[in-house]
């Protein structure tokens, strides 16, 4: 995979030590500040609801650490990423808006296709979507979706949405979803729909298949092995995919010395050159890991953009 311009992406959710829960306007303000600083993308994560299992493994030692399966307070605020994205699209003009990740099987594909196409139009093509199945059985049970079928639901949902995006009226007949000659407008800007990323904790066969069939980027949770990276590259090439523009999403690595401190950005970026060498091109940063002052977010973002530019 050929080198691309290195890009910064700011995570907007999971910043409750920086932006108080309920201050959704504050998250939009953070997106605007990131855009002014030259950040390429802002990112929103997703949960519809959480049950007790989400905190079964306790809490992170430092509340600024990333949320992971089993380590988070069930009462953690996860505003609707689709609604938040519409507010960000209206308040910004150039920054990409990444729904990374979006728990796709929890939404009916006809409804989701309409919402994502509308967002794509509203943002003038700046939307990125990372469909995922996630990990919480209780979340699936709360909305009446079978947890054991989540992978199959994701695959068929992707196929149904792409049928609707390519042209309407559209039809789809599958195991879970069936419709005939339905019109679903507006259409997205591109016939294939918004840019799609995929991610996970390992490059398992289903993830590799989705990346090759649909993906424009790989956003792993953690650090994939060199073997996984080689497998992805050879699989894309074998499928005749152009790899020059394929995006690999890495991130900063914050280390906290105490239970309630922030991490210096330089320290958190020490691993970035190694990630660049491995082919990664876009780097996530969560502002609350580096400051407790919303007024410092723009300068923090600008500093990251400058550091990445120096590595290009």
Protein backbone atom coordinates (compact mmCIF):
# COMPACT_ATOMS: atom_id res chain seq x y z
CA UNK A 1 0.00 0.00 0.00
CA UNK A 2 1.52 3.29 -1.11
CA UNK A 3 2.02 6.17 1.33
CA UNK A 4 -0.73 8.76 1.64
CA UNK A 5 -0.82 12.13 3.33
CA UNK A 6 -0.93 11.56 7.08
CA UNK A 7 -4.23 12.70 8.58
CA UNK A 8 -5.52 13.42 12.09
CA UNK A 9 -8.92 12.26 13.34
CA UNK A 10 -10.47 13.52 16.58
CA UNK A 11 -12.73 11.28 18.65
CA UNK A 12 -15.76 13.22 19.88
CA UNK A 13 -17.51 10.61 22.03
CA UNK A 14 -16.01 9.31 25.31
CA UNK A 15 -14.86 12.79 26.36
CA UNK A 16 -16.95 13.19 29.53
CA UNK A 17 -13.97 14.45 31.59
CA UNK A 18 -13.65 17.32 29.09
CA UNK A 19 -17.20 17.98 27.89
CA UNK A 20 -19.85 17.30 30.56
CA UNK A 21 -22.52 14.68 29.80
CA UNK A 22 -25.51 16.33 28.16
CA UNK A 23 -23.46 19.11 26.57
CA UNK A 24 -23.99 17.91 23.01
CA UNK A 25 -23.43 21.40 21.66
CA UNK A 26 -19.99 21.19 23.26
CA UNK A 27 -19.18 18.15 21.11
CA UNK A 28 -20.21 20.03 17.99
CA UNK A 29 -18.04 22.96 19.09
CA UNK A 30 -15.15 20.51 19.42
CA UNK A 31 -15.72 19.36 15.83
CA UNK A 32 -15.68 22.98 14.64
CA UNK A 33 -12.43 23.62 16.55
CA UNK A 34 -10.88 20.48 15.05
CA UNK A 35 -11.82 21.65 11.54
CA UNK A 36 -10.25 25.07 12.15
CA UNK A 37 -7.05 23.31 13.27
CA UNK A 38 -6.80 21.35 10.02
CA UNK A 39 -7.99 17.99 11.33
CA UNK A 40 -9.18 15.70 8.53
CA UNK A 41 -12.00 13.82 10.33
CA UNK A 42 -14.03 13.67 13.51
CA UNK A 43 -15.32 10.38 14.87
CA UNK A 44 -18.49 9.31 16.67
CA UNK A 45 -18.91 5.90 18.30
CA UNK A 46 -22.18 4.12 18.95
CA UNK A 47 -24.31 2.34 21.51
CA UNK A 48 -28.11 2.32 21.48
CA UNK A 49 -28.28 1.26 25.13
CA UNK A 50 -26.16 -0.58 27.69
CA UNK A 51 -26.93 -3.13 30.41
CA UNK A 52 -25.00 -4.35 33.47
CA UNK A 53 -22.64 -6.51 31.40
CA UNK A 54 -20.99 -3.39 30.00
CA UNK A 55 -19.34 -2.80 33.38
CA UNK A 56 -18.79 -6.42 34.42
CA UNK A 57 -14.99 -6.12 34.28
CA UNK A 58 -14.80 -2.95 36.37
CA UNK A 59 -13.70 0.51 35.29
CA UNK A 60 -10.50 1.82 33.72
CA UNK A 61 -7.94 3.02 36.24
CA UNK A 62 -8.08 6.43 34.61
CA UNK A 63 -11.48 7.66 33.31
CA UNK A 64 -9.80 9.05 30.18
CA UNK A 65 -8.86 5.57 28.94
CA UNK A 66 -10.80 4.10 26.03
CA UNK A 67 -14.09 2.32 26.58
CA UNK A 68 -13.81 -1.39 25.85
CA UNK A 69 -16.11 -4.40 26.22
CA UNK A 70 -16.95 -4.83 29.88
CA UNK A 71 -15.05 -1.84 31.31
CA UNK A 72 -17.58 0.98 31.14
CA UNK A 73 -20.33 2.41 33.30
CA UNK A 74 -23.71 1.37 31.83
CA UNK A 75 -24.84 4.97 32.40
CA UNK A 76 -22.13 6.34 30.08
CA UNK A 77 -23.66 8.82 27.66
CA UNK A 78 -23.66 7.69 24.02
CA UNK A 79 -25.69 10.26 22.07
CA UNK A 80 -27.17 9.11 18.77
CA UNK A 81 -24.27 9.26 16.35
CA UNK A 82 -26.60 9.75 13.39
CA UNK A 83 -28.32 12.74 14.97
CA UNK A 84 -24.98 14.16 16.16
CA UNK A 85 -23.52 13.77 12.67
CA UNK A 86 -26.32 15.88 11.21
CA UNK A 87 -25.50 18.70 13.65
CA UNK A 88 -21.79 18.46 12.82
CA UNK A 89 -22.51 18.43 9.09
CA UNK A 90 -24.51 21.65 9.45
CA UNK A 91 -21.81 23.35 11.54
CA UNK A 92 -18.76 22.41 9.43
CA UNK A 93 -17.75 22.52 5.79
CA UNK A 94 -14.68 20.34 5.20
CA UNK A 95 -14.00 17.88 8.01
CA UNK A 96 -15.01 14.27 7.34
CA UNK A 97 -17.59 12.80 9.73
CA UNK A 98 -16.88 9.18 10.66
CA UNK A 99 -19.53 7.02 12.29
CA UNK A 100 -16.89 4.64 13.59
CA UNK A 101 -18.41 2.40 14.57
CA UNK A 102 -22.15 2.06 13.84
CA UNK A 103 -23.89 -1.06 15.15
CA UNK A 104 -25.66 -1.80 11.90
CA UNK A 105 -27.71 -4.93 12.82
CA UNK A 106 -29.65 -2.90 15.40
CA UNK A 107 -31.25 -0.86 12.58
CA UNK A 108 -33.45 -2.03 9.73
CA UNK A 109 -31.46 -1.55 6.50
CA UNK A 110 -34.23 0.33 4.69
CA UNK A 111 -34.43 2.90 7.48
CA UNK A 112 -30.66 3.05 7.87
CA UNK A 113 -30.11 3.42 4.12
CA UNK A 114 -32.39 6.47 4.14
CA UNK A 115 -30.68 8.03 7.18
CA UNK A 116 -27.15 7.51 5.86
CA UNK A 117 -27.98 8.75 2.36
CA UNK A 118 -29.55 11.85 3.89
CA UNK A 119 -26.42 12.43 6.01
CA UNK A 120 -24.22 11.89 2.98
CA UNK A 121 -26.14 14.56 1.06
CA UNK A 122 -26.23 16.94 4.03
CA UNK A 123 -22.46 16.64 4.50
CA UNK A 124 -21.81 16.87 0.73
CA UNK A 125 -20.04 13.52 0.66
CA UNK A 126 -18.04 13.87 3.89
CA UNK A 127 -19.67 10.88 5.59
CA UNK A 128 -17.68 7.78 6.52
CA UNK A 129 -19.47 4.77 8.03
CA UNK A 130 -17.89 1.85 9.87
CA UNK A 131 -20.56 -0.86 10.11
CA UNK A 132 -19.99 -3.24 13.00
CA UNK A 133 -21.73 -5.91 15.06
CA UNK A 134 -20.34 -4.85 18.48
CA UNK A 135 -20.23 -7.06 21.57
CA UNK A 136 -23.17 -6.46 23.96
CA UNK A 137 -25.76 -9.23 24.04
CA UNK A 138 -27.97 -7.12 26.35
CA UNK A 139 -28.05 -4.32 23.78
CA UNK A 140 -29.34 -6.71 21.12
CA UNK A 141 -31.89 -8.23 23.47
CA UNK A 142 -33.23 -4.77 24.36
CA UNK A 143 -34.20 -4.09 20.74
CA UNK A 144 -35.27 -7.65 19.93
CA UNK A 145 -32.47 -8.54 17.52
CA UNK A 146 -30.86 -12.01 17.75
CA UNK A 147 -27.32 -11.59 19.03
CA UNK A 148 -26.17 -14.93 17.56
CA UNK A 149 -27.12 -13.80 14.02
CA UNK A 150 -25.46 -10.40 14.18
CA UNK A 151 -22.77 -11.22 11.59
CA UNK A 152 -25.29 -12.54 9.06
CA UNK A 153 -27.54 -9.56 9.76
CA UNK A 154 -24.67 -7.19 9.04
CA UNK A 155 -23.80 -8.88 5.76
CA UNK A 156 -27.37 -8.94 4.50
CA UNK A 157 -28.02 -5.41 5.73
CA UNK A 158 -25.03 -4.16 3.72
CA UNK A 159 -26.33 -5.91 0.60
CA UNK A 160 -29.83 -4.48 1.08
CA UNK A 161 -28.57 -0.92 1.63
CA UNK A 162 -26.34 -1.04 -1.42
CA UNK A 163 -29.28 -2.20 -3.53
CA UNK A 164 -31.21 0.85 -2.35
CA UNK A 165 -28.28 3.20 -2.90
CA UNK A 166 -27.44 2.03 -6.42
CA UNK A 167 -30.84 2.70 -7.93
CA UNK A 168 -34.50 2.82 -7.03
CA UNK A 169 -36.97 1.27 -7.20
CA UNK A 170 -34.98 -1.54 -5.61
CA UNK A 171 -35.74 -5.08 -4.49
CA UNK A 172 -34.07 -7.44 -2.05
CA UNK A 173 -34.94 -10.99 -0.99
CA UNK A 174 -32.94 -12.53 1.81
CA UNK A 175 -33.09 -14.46 5.05
CA UNK A 176 -33.94 -11.44 7.20
CA UNK A 177 -35.14 -8.67 4.89
CA UNK A 178 -37.49 -8.65 1.92
CA UNK A 179 -38.79 -5.78 -0.17
CA UNK A 180 -39.94 -5.23 -3.75
CA UNK A 181 -39.81 -2.13 -5.97
CA UNK A 182 -39.31 0.37 -3.17
CA UNK A 183 -38.09 3.91 -3.72
CA UNK A 184 -35.69 5.23 -1.10
CA UNK A 185 -34.67 8.82 -1.68
CA UNK A 186 -32.55 10.88 -1.43
CA UNK A 187 -29.79 8.79 -2.89
CA UNK A 188 -26.23 9.16 -1.61
CA UNK A 189 -23.77 11.26 -3.58
CA UNK A 190 -21.95 8.18 -4.90
CA UNK A 191 -23.92 5.18 -6.24
CA UNK A 192 -22.05 2.81 -3.94
CA UNK A 193 -23.03 4.89 -0.93
CA UNK A 194 -20.88 6.52 1.76
CA UNK A 195 -17.27 5.54 2.29
CA UNK A 196 -17.13 2.34 4.38
CA UNK A 197 -14.50 1.33 6.92
CA UNK A 198 -14.44 -1.91 8.86
CA UNK A 199 -12.65 -2.83 12.07
CA UNK A 200 -12.34 -5.35 14.83
CA UNK A 201 -10.05 -6.87 17.44
CA UNK A 202 -8.55 -9.33 14.93
CA UNK A 203 -8.57 -9.83 11.17
CA UNK A 204 -10.99 -12.77 11.27
CA UNK A 205 -12.30 -14.25 7.99
CA UNK A 206 -15.63 -12.38 8.01
CA UNK A 207 -13.89 -9.06 8.61
CA UNK A 208 -11.39 -9.74 5.83
CA UNK A 209 -14.23 -10.58 3.45
CA UNK A 210 -16.08 -7.33 4.27
CA UNK A 211 -12.92 -5.29 3.84
CA UNK A 212 -12.24 -6.79 0.42
CA UNK A 213 -15.85 -6.60 -0.80
CA UNK A 214 -16.91 -3.24 0.60
CA UNK A 215 -14.15 -1.49 2.52
CA UNK A 216 -12.20 1.67 1.81
CA UNK A 217 -10.37 1.51 5.14
CA UNK A 218 -9.33 -0.75 8.02
CA UNK A 219 -9.79 0.61 11.55
CA UNK A 220 -8.59 -2.08 14.00
CA UNK A 221 -9.25 -2.07 17.72
CA UNK A 222 -5.68 -2.43 18.94
CA UNK A 223 -2.60 -3.30 16.93
CA UNK A 224 -2.94 -5.87 14.12
CA UNK A 225 -0.05 -8.26 13.59
CA UNK A 226 2.32 -7.94 10.62
CA UNK A 227 0.81 -11.19 9.36
CA UNK A 228 -2.68 -9.64 9.41
CA UNK A 229 -1.42 -6.60 7.52
CA UNK A 230 0.23 -8.78 4.88
CA UNK A 231 -2.93 -10.89 4.54
CA UNK A 232 -5.05 -7.76 4.02
CA UNK A 233 -2.71 -6.38 1.37
CA UNK A 234 -2.46 -9.63 -0.58
CA UNK A 235 -6.24 -10.21 -0.35
CA UNK A 236 -7.00 -6.75 -1.72
CA UNK A 237 -4.53 -7.22 -4.56
CA UNK A 238 -5.91 -10.69 -5.37
CA UNK A 239 -9.39 -9.15 -5.67
CA UNK A 240 -8.11 -6.52 -8.09
CA UNK A 241 -8.59 -3.74 -5.57
CA UNK A 242 -6.61 -0.53 -5.89
CA UNK A 243 -4.63 -0.28 -2.65
CA UNK A 244 -3.08 3.17 -3.08
CA UNK A 245 -6.10 4.92 -1.58
CA UNK A 246 -6.99 2.21 0.96
CA UNK A 247 -6.97 3.86 4.38
CA UNK A 248 -5.37 2.34 7.49
CA UNK A 249 -6.48 3.96 10.73
CA UNK A 250 -4.20 3.94 13.76
CA UNK A 251 -3.97 6.23 16.74
CA UNK A 252 -2.13 7.82 19.61
CA UNK A 253 -1.20 5.65 22.61
CA UNK A 254 -1.91 7.58 25.79
CA UNK A 255 -0.12 6.39 28.95
CA UNK A 256 -1.31 7.73 32.31
CA UNK A 257 0.98 8.00 35.32
CA UNK A 258 -1.87 8.43 37.81
CA UNK A 259 -5.57 7.73 38.15
CA UNK A 260 -6.70 11.25 37.22
CA UNK A 261 -4.01 12.81 35.06
CA UNK A 262 -3.70 13.61 31.36
CA UNK A 263 -1.01 12.39 28.98
CA UNK A 264 1.40 14.62 27.08
CA UNK A 265 0.63 14.49 23.35
CA UNK A 266 4.29 14.01 22.40
CA UNK A 267 4.44 10.95 24.63
CA UNK A 268 1.21 9.59 23.17
CA UNK A 269 2.58 9.96 19.64
CA UNK A 270 5.85 8.13 20.24
CA UNK A 271 4.45 5.03 18.49
CA UNK A 272 3.16 6.92 15.44
CA UNK A 273 6.36 6.66 13.35
CA UNK A 274 6.26 2.86 13.72
CA UNK A 275 2.62 2.88 12.65
CA UNK A 276 3.48 5.01 9.63
CA UNK A 277 6.20 2.51 8.71
CA UNK A 278 3.56 -0.23 8.89
CA UNK A 279 1.39 1.68 6.42
CA UNK A 280 -1.07 3.52 8.66
CA UNK A 281 -2.23 6.87 7.32
CA UNK A 282 -4.91 8.27 9.65
CA UNK A 283 -4.46 8.68 13.40
CA UNK A 284 -7.14 8.97 16.08
CA UNK A 285 -6.75 11.23 19.10
CA UNK A 286 -9.14 11.64 22.02
CA UNK A 287 -8.78 15.21 23.36
CA UNK A 288 -9.77 14.39 26.95
CA UNK A 289 -6.69 12.19 27.21
CA UNK A 290 -4.53 15.30 26.86
CA UNK A 291 -6.41 18.24 28.38
CA UNK A 292 -9.18 19.10 30.83
CA UNK A 293 -9.78 22.52 29.24
CA UNK A 294 -12.13 22.76 26.22
CA UNK A 295 -10.38 26.01 25.31
CA UNK A 296 -7.18 24.08 24.61
CA UNK A 297 -8.71 21.61 22.14
CA UNK A 298 -8.03 23.65 19.00
CA UNK A 299 -4.35 24.15 19.84
CA UNK A 300 -4.07 20.48 20.77
CA UNK A 301 -5.50 19.48 17.39
CA UNK A 302 -3.25 21.90 15.55
CA UNK A 303 -0.23 20.49 17.36
CA UNK A 304 -1.13 16.97 16.25
CA UNK A 305 -1.67 18.09 12.65
CA UNK A 306 1.76 19.76 12.66
CA UNK A 307 3.47 16.71 14.14
CA UNK A 308 1.95 14.46 11.46
CA UNK A 309 2.95 16.92 8.72
CA UNK A 310 6.55 16.75 9.95
CA UNK A 311 6.48 12.95 9.50
CA UNK A 312 5.18 13.13 5.90
